[in-house]
Amino acid sequence: MAKRTLSGLSVGDLQRELRRRERGVEVLVRKRDKLMEKVHALDTEIAALGIALGSRRAAAGRRRPRNDSNLADALVSVLKTKTLSVTDVAQAVQEAGYVTTSPNFRTIVNQTLIKDKRIKRVGRGQYTAKGGSAGGGKGRKKKESAEAAAA
């Protein structure tokens, strides 16, 4: 059967179609009202627990995990007593509780190790925290003497 357009209907058919659609809207509005009552009841329960809905709603759509500290701080704490490779420090920081969804987390860890002034390179691919007890071979020299002179 071919689909008819509204322009091909008689006035009586158009009126029946309008009534049918209005009944459909009424059913949907009743369903919506029942759901809104449930939502209001839930909002009341949440408010009774002392939680502000505005801040919770803003965080509800968050996809990134929320960590207690940033990546650089987590790396420094893992490297305080150790000298580790990039791969090992990436695993260690995750085992220590740092949460990430990054598919290239090792690369991000590598960039952070290179950039952070609290971390020093002690060998090829080996890093430790400055001032940590973990020593190790020769690393590339940064402007440590200039920083010491400025202090």
C-alpha atoms as a PDB file:
ATOM      1  CA  MET A   1       0.000   0.000   0.000  1.00  0.00           C
ATOM      2  CA  ALA A   2       1.376   3.377  -0.965  1.00  0.00           C
ATOM      3  CA  LYS A   3       1.928   5.930   1.761  1.00  0.00           C
ATOM      4  CA  ARG A   4      -0.500   8.848   1.535  1.00  0.00           C
ATOM      5  CA  THR A   5       0.538  12.396   2.312  1.00  0.00           C
ATOM      6  CA  LEU A   6      -1.616  14.731   4.367  1.00  0.00           C
ATOM      7  CA  SER A   7      -2.281  16.871   1.326  1.00  0.00           C
ATOM      8  CA  GLY A   8      -4.202  14.000  -0.257  1.00  0.00           C
ATOM      9  CA  LEU A   9      -6.596  13.530   2.696  1.00  0.00           C
ATOM     10  CA  SER A  10     -10.111  14.854   3.004  1.00  0.00           C
ATOM     11  CA  VAL A  11     -11.027  17.327   5.754  1.00  0.00           C
ATOM     12  CA  GLY A  12     -12.698  14.556   7.768  1.00  0.00           C
ATOM     13  CA  ASP A  13      -9.591  12.359   7.482  1.00  0.00           C
ATOM     14  CA  LEU A  14      -7.383  15.272   8.573  1.00  0.00           C
ATOM     15  CA  GLN A  15      -9.580  15.859  11.636  1.00  0.00           C
ATOM     16  CA  ARG A  16      -9.403  12.152  12.593  1.00  0.00           C
ATOM     17  CA  GLU A  17      -5.601  12.230  12.199  1.00  0.00           C
ATOM     18  CA  LEU A  18      -5.363  15.317  14.426  1.00  0.00           C
ATOM     19  CA  ARG A  19      -7.503  13.642  17.132  1.00  0.00           C
ATOM     20  CA  ARG A  20      -5.340  10.515  16.949  1.00  0.00           C
ATOM     21  CA  ARG A  21      -2.155  12.543  17.359  1.00  0.00           C
ATOM     22  CA  GLU A  22      -3.622  14.577  20.234  1.00  0.00           C
ATOM     23  CA  ARG A  23      -4.519  11.370  22.098  1.00  0.00           C
ATOM     24  CA  GLY A  24      -0.949  10.179  21.580  1.00  0.00           C
ATOM     25  CA  VAL A  25       0.392  13.411  23.028  1.00  0.00           C
ATOM     26  CA  GLU A  26      -1.915  13.114  26.041  1.00  0.00           C
ATOM     27  CA  VAL A  27      -0.605   9.612  26.761  1.00  0.00           C
ATOM     28  CA  LEU A  28       2.996  10.815  26.503  1.00  0.00           C
ATOM     29  CA  VAL A  29       2.333  13.815  28.771  1.00  0.00           C
ATOM     30  CA  ARG A  30       0.827  11.525  31.435  1.00  0.00           C
ATOM     31  CA  LYS A  31       3.891   9.246  31.244  1.00  0.00           C
ATOM     32  CA  ARG A  32       6.165  12.271  31.506  1.00  0.00           C
ATOM     33  CA  ASP A  33       4.285  13.582  34.554  1.00  0.00           C
ATOM     34  CA  LYS A  34       4.623  10.208  36.336  1.00  0.00           C
ATOM     35  CA  LEU A  35       8.355  10.143  35.599  1.00  0.00           C
ATOM     36  CA  MET A  36       8.770  13.727  36.814  1.00  0.00           C
ATOM     37  CA  GLU A  37       7.084  12.782  40.101  1.00  0.00           C
ATOM     38  CA  LYS A  38       9.619   9.976  40.517  1.00  0.00           C
ATOM     39  CA  VAL A  39      12.484  12.341  39.678  1.00  0.00           C
ATOM     40  CA  HIS A  40      11.208  14.868  42.214  1.00  0.00           C
ATOM     41  CA  ALA A  41      11.021  12.145  44.886  1.00  0.00           C
ATOM     42  CA  LEU A  42      14.608  11.111  44.108  1.00  0.00           C
ATOM     43  CA  ASP A  43      15.762  14.739  44.223  1.00  0.00           C
ATOM     44  CA  THR A  44      14.150  15.057  47.657  1.00  0.00           C
ATOM     45  CA  GLU A  45      15.952  11.925  48.899  1.00  0.00           C
ATOM     46  CA  ILE A  46      19.268  13.207  47.562  1.00  0.00           C
ATOM     47  CA  ALA A  47      18.742  16.612  49.166  1.00  0.00           C
ATOM     48  CA  ALA A  48      17.964  14.866  52.473  1.00  0.00           C
ATOM     49  CA  LEU A  49      21.437  13.326  52.272  1.00  0.00           C
ATOM     50  CA  GLY A  50      22.899  16.816  52.019  1.00  0.00           C
ATOM     51  CA  ILE A  51      24.215  16.538  48.473  1.00  0.00           C
ATOM     52  CA  ALA A  52      23.972  19.484  46.094  1.00  0.00           C
ATOM     53  CA  LEU A  53      22.525  18.329  42.787  1.00  0.00           C
ATOM     54  CA  GLY A  54      24.199  21.003  40.644  1.00  0.00           C
ATOM     55  CA  SER A  55      27.730  19.809  41.336  1.00  0.00           C
ATOM     56  CA  ARG A  56      26.772  16.130  40.967  1.00  0.00           C
ATOM     57  CA  ARG A  57      25.088  16.722  37.627  1.00  0.00           C
ATOM     58  CA  ALA A  58      28.122  18.535  36.272  1.00  0.00           C
ATOM     59  CA  ALA A  59      30.344  15.600  37.205  1.00  0.00           C
ATOM     60  CA  ALA A  60      27.922  12.922  35.990  1.00  0.00           C
ATOM     61  CA  GLY A  61      28.931  13.320  32.339  1.00  0.00           C
ATOM     62  CA  ARG A  62      32.636  13.226  33.107  1.00  0.00           C
ATOM     63  CA  ARG A  63      34.562  10.630  31.179  1.00  0.00           C
ATOM     64  CA  ARG A  64      38.013  11.279  32.543  1.00  0.00           C
ATOM     65  CA  PRO A  65      38.852   9.617  35.845  1.00  0.00           C
ATOM     66  CA  ARG A  66      39.487  11.871  38.813  1.00  0.00           C
ATOM     67  CA  ASN A  67      42.767  11.208  40.645  1.00  0.00           C
ATOM     68  CA  ASP A  68      43.880  12.471  44.051  1.00  0.00           C
ATOM     69  CA  SER A  69      47.022  14.012  42.562  1.00  0.00           C
ATOM     70  CA  ASN A  70      48.242  14.945  39.130  1.00  0.00           C
ATOM     71  CA  LEU A  71      50.459  12.637  37.079  1.00  0.00           C
ATOM     72  CA  ALA A  72      53.703  14.493  37.861  1.00  0.00           C
ATOM     73  CA  ASP A  73      53.134  14.267  41.621  1.00  0.00           C
ATOM     74  CA  ALA A  74      52.259  10.571  41.326  1.00  0.00           C
ATOM     75  CA  LEU A  75      55.460   9.934  39.321  1.00  0.00           C
ATOM     76  CA  VAL A  76      57.618  11.741  41.875  1.00  0.00           C
ATOM     77  CA  SER A  77      56.144   9.743  44.742  1.00  0.00           C
ATOM     78  CA  VAL A  78      56.792   6.450  42.923  1.00  0.00           C
ATOM     79  CA  LEU A  79      60.349   7.459  42.000  1.00  0.00           C
ATOM     80  CA  LYS A  80      61.410   8.770  45.442  1.00  0.00           C
ATOM     81  CA  THR A  81      63.281   5.607  46.337  1.00  0.00           C
ATOM     82  CA  LYS A  82      63.645   3.923  42.970  1.00  0.00           C
ATOM     83  CA  THR A  83      65.188   4.235  39.551  1.00  0.00           C
ATOM     84  CA  LEU A  84      62.822   2.872  36.940  1.00  0.00           C
ATOM     85  CA  SER A  85      62.364   2.705  33.186  1.00  0.00           C
ATOM     86  CA  VAL A  86      59.486   4.540  31.540  1.00  0.00           C
ATOM     87  CA  THR A  87      57.448   1.358  31.163  1.00  0.00           C
ATOM     88  CA  ASP A  88      58.083   0.289  34.761  1.00  0.00           C
ATOM     89  CA  VAL A  89      57.206   3.693  36.205  1.00  0.00           C
ATOM     90  CA  ALA A  90      53.998   3.793  34.116  1.00  0.00           C
ATOM     91  CA  GLN A  91      52.980   0.424  35.571  1.00  0.00           C
ATOM     92  CA  ALA A  92      54.060   1.368  39.098  1.00  0.00           C
ATOM     93  CA  VAL A  93      52.084   4.609  39.121  1.00  0.00           C
ATOM     94  CA  GLN A  94      48.948   2.738  38.008  1.00  0.00           C
ATOM     95  CA  GLU A  95      49.513   0.059  40.646  1.00  0.00           C
ATOM     96  CA  ALA A  96      49.809   2.872  43.200  1.00  0.00           C
ATOM     97  CA  GLY A  97      46.271   3.943  42.332  1.00  0.00           C
ATOM     98  CA  TYR A  98      46.593   6.430  39.467  1.00  0.00           C
ATOM     99  CA  VAL A  99      43.674   5.859  37.082  1.00  0.00           C
ATOM    100  CA  THR A 100      43.864   6.556  33.357  1.00  0.00           C
ATOM    101  CA  THR A 101      41.898   5.664  30.269  1.00  0.00           C
ATOM    102  CA  SER A 102      44.608   6.808  27.887  1.00  0.00           C
ATOM    103  CA  PRO A 103      45.564   4.308  25.218  1.00  0.00           C
ATOM    104  CA  ASN A 104      49.044   5.861  25.066  1.00  0.00           C
ATOM    105  CA  PHE A 105      49.694   6.342  28.776  1.00  0.00           C
ATOM    106  CA  ARG A 106      53.355   5.286  28.506  1.00  0.00           C
ATOM    107  CA  THR A 107      54.002   8.156  26.066  1.00  0.00           C
ATOM    108  CA  ILE A 108      52.343  10.655  28.401  1.00  0.00           C
ATOM    109  CA  VAL A 109      54.448   9.336  31.297  1.00  0.00           C
ATOM    110  CA  ASN A 110      57.588   9.692  29.161  1.00  0.00           C
ATOM    111  CA  GLN A 111      56.783  13.321  28.320  1.00  0.00           C
ATOM    112  CA  THR A 112      56.059  14.110  31.964  1.00  0.00           C
ATOM    113  CA  LEU A 113      59.316  12.493  33.102  1.00  0.00           C
ATOM    114  CA  ILE A 114      61.270  14.627  30.632  1.00  0.00           C
ATOM    115  CA  LYS A 115      59.526  17.901  31.492  1.00  0.00           C
ATOM    116  CA  ASP A 116      59.219  17.755  35.287  1.00  0.00           C
ATOM    117  CA  LYS A 117      62.129  19.437  37.084  1.00  0.00           C
ATOM    118  CA  ARG A 118      61.700  17.214  40.157  1.00  0.00           C
ATOM    119  CA  ILE A 119      62.661  14.136  38.127  1.00  0.00           C
ATOM    120  CA  LYS A 120      66.103  13.454  36.746  1.00  0.00           C
ATOM    121  CA  ARG A 121      67.336  11.129  34.070  1.00  0.00           C
ATOM    122  CA  VAL A 122      70.078   8.848  35.373  1.00  0.00           C
ATOM    123  CA  GLY A 123      70.644   6.811  32.255  1.00  0.00           C
ATOM    124  CA  ARG A 124      69.107   5.950  28.942  1.00  0.00           C
ATOM    125  CA  GLY A 125      65.422   5.473  29.730  1.00  0.00           C
ATOM    126  CA  GLN A 126      66.066   5.423  33.491  1.00  0.00           C
ATOM    127  CA  TYR A 127      64.553   8.034  35.805  1.00  0.00           C
ATOM    128  CA  THR A 128      64.493   8.827  39.510  1.00  0.00           C
ATOM    129  CA  ALA A 129      63.275  11.663  41.692  1.00  0.00           C
ATOM    130  CA  LYS A 130      65.779  14.389  42.500  1.00  0.00           C
ATOM    131  CA  GLY A 131      66.949  14.150  46.076  1.00  0.00           C
ATOM    132  CA  GLY A 132      65.817  10.522  46.260  1.00  0.00           C
ATOM    133  CA  SER A 133      68.122   7.862  47.662  1.00  0.00           C
ATOM    134  CA  ALA A 134      68.136   5.934  44.395  1.00  0.00           C
ATOM    135  CA  GLY A 135      71.290   6.870  42.589  1.00  0.00           C
ATOM    136  CA  GLY A 136      72.528   5.756  39.271  1.00  0.00           C
ATOM    137  CA  GLY A 137      74.800   6.454  36.365  1.00  0.00           C
ATOM    138  CA  LYS A 138      75.406   9.627  34.493  1.00  0.00           C
ATOM    139  CA  GLY A 139      72.430  11.593  33.353  1.00  0.00           C
ATOM    140  CA  ARG A 140      72.212  14.559  31.076  1.00  0.00           C
ATOM    141  CA  LYS A 141      73.028  17.747  32.903  1.00  0.00           C
ATOM    142  CA  LYS A 142      70.355  20.339  33.211  1.00  0.00           C
ATOM    143  CA  LYS A 143      70.951  23.872  34.297  1.00  0.00           C
ATOM    144  CA  GLU A 144      71.541  22.790  37.882  1.00  0.00           C
ATOM    145  CA  SER A 145      74.576  25.009  38.393  1.00  0.00           C
ATOM    146  CA  ALA A 146      72.709  28.057  37.147  1.00  0.00           C
ATOM    147  CA  GLU A 147      69.785  27.245  39.428  1.00  0.00           C
ATOM    148  CA  ALA A 148      72.133  26.774  42.385  1.00  0.00           C
ATOM    149  CA  ALA A 149      73.804  30.121  41.658  1.00  0.00           C
ATOM    150  CA  ALA A 150      70.440  31.859  41.438  1.00  0.00           C
ATOM    151  CA  ALA A 151      69.329  30.426  44.798  1.00  0.00           C
END
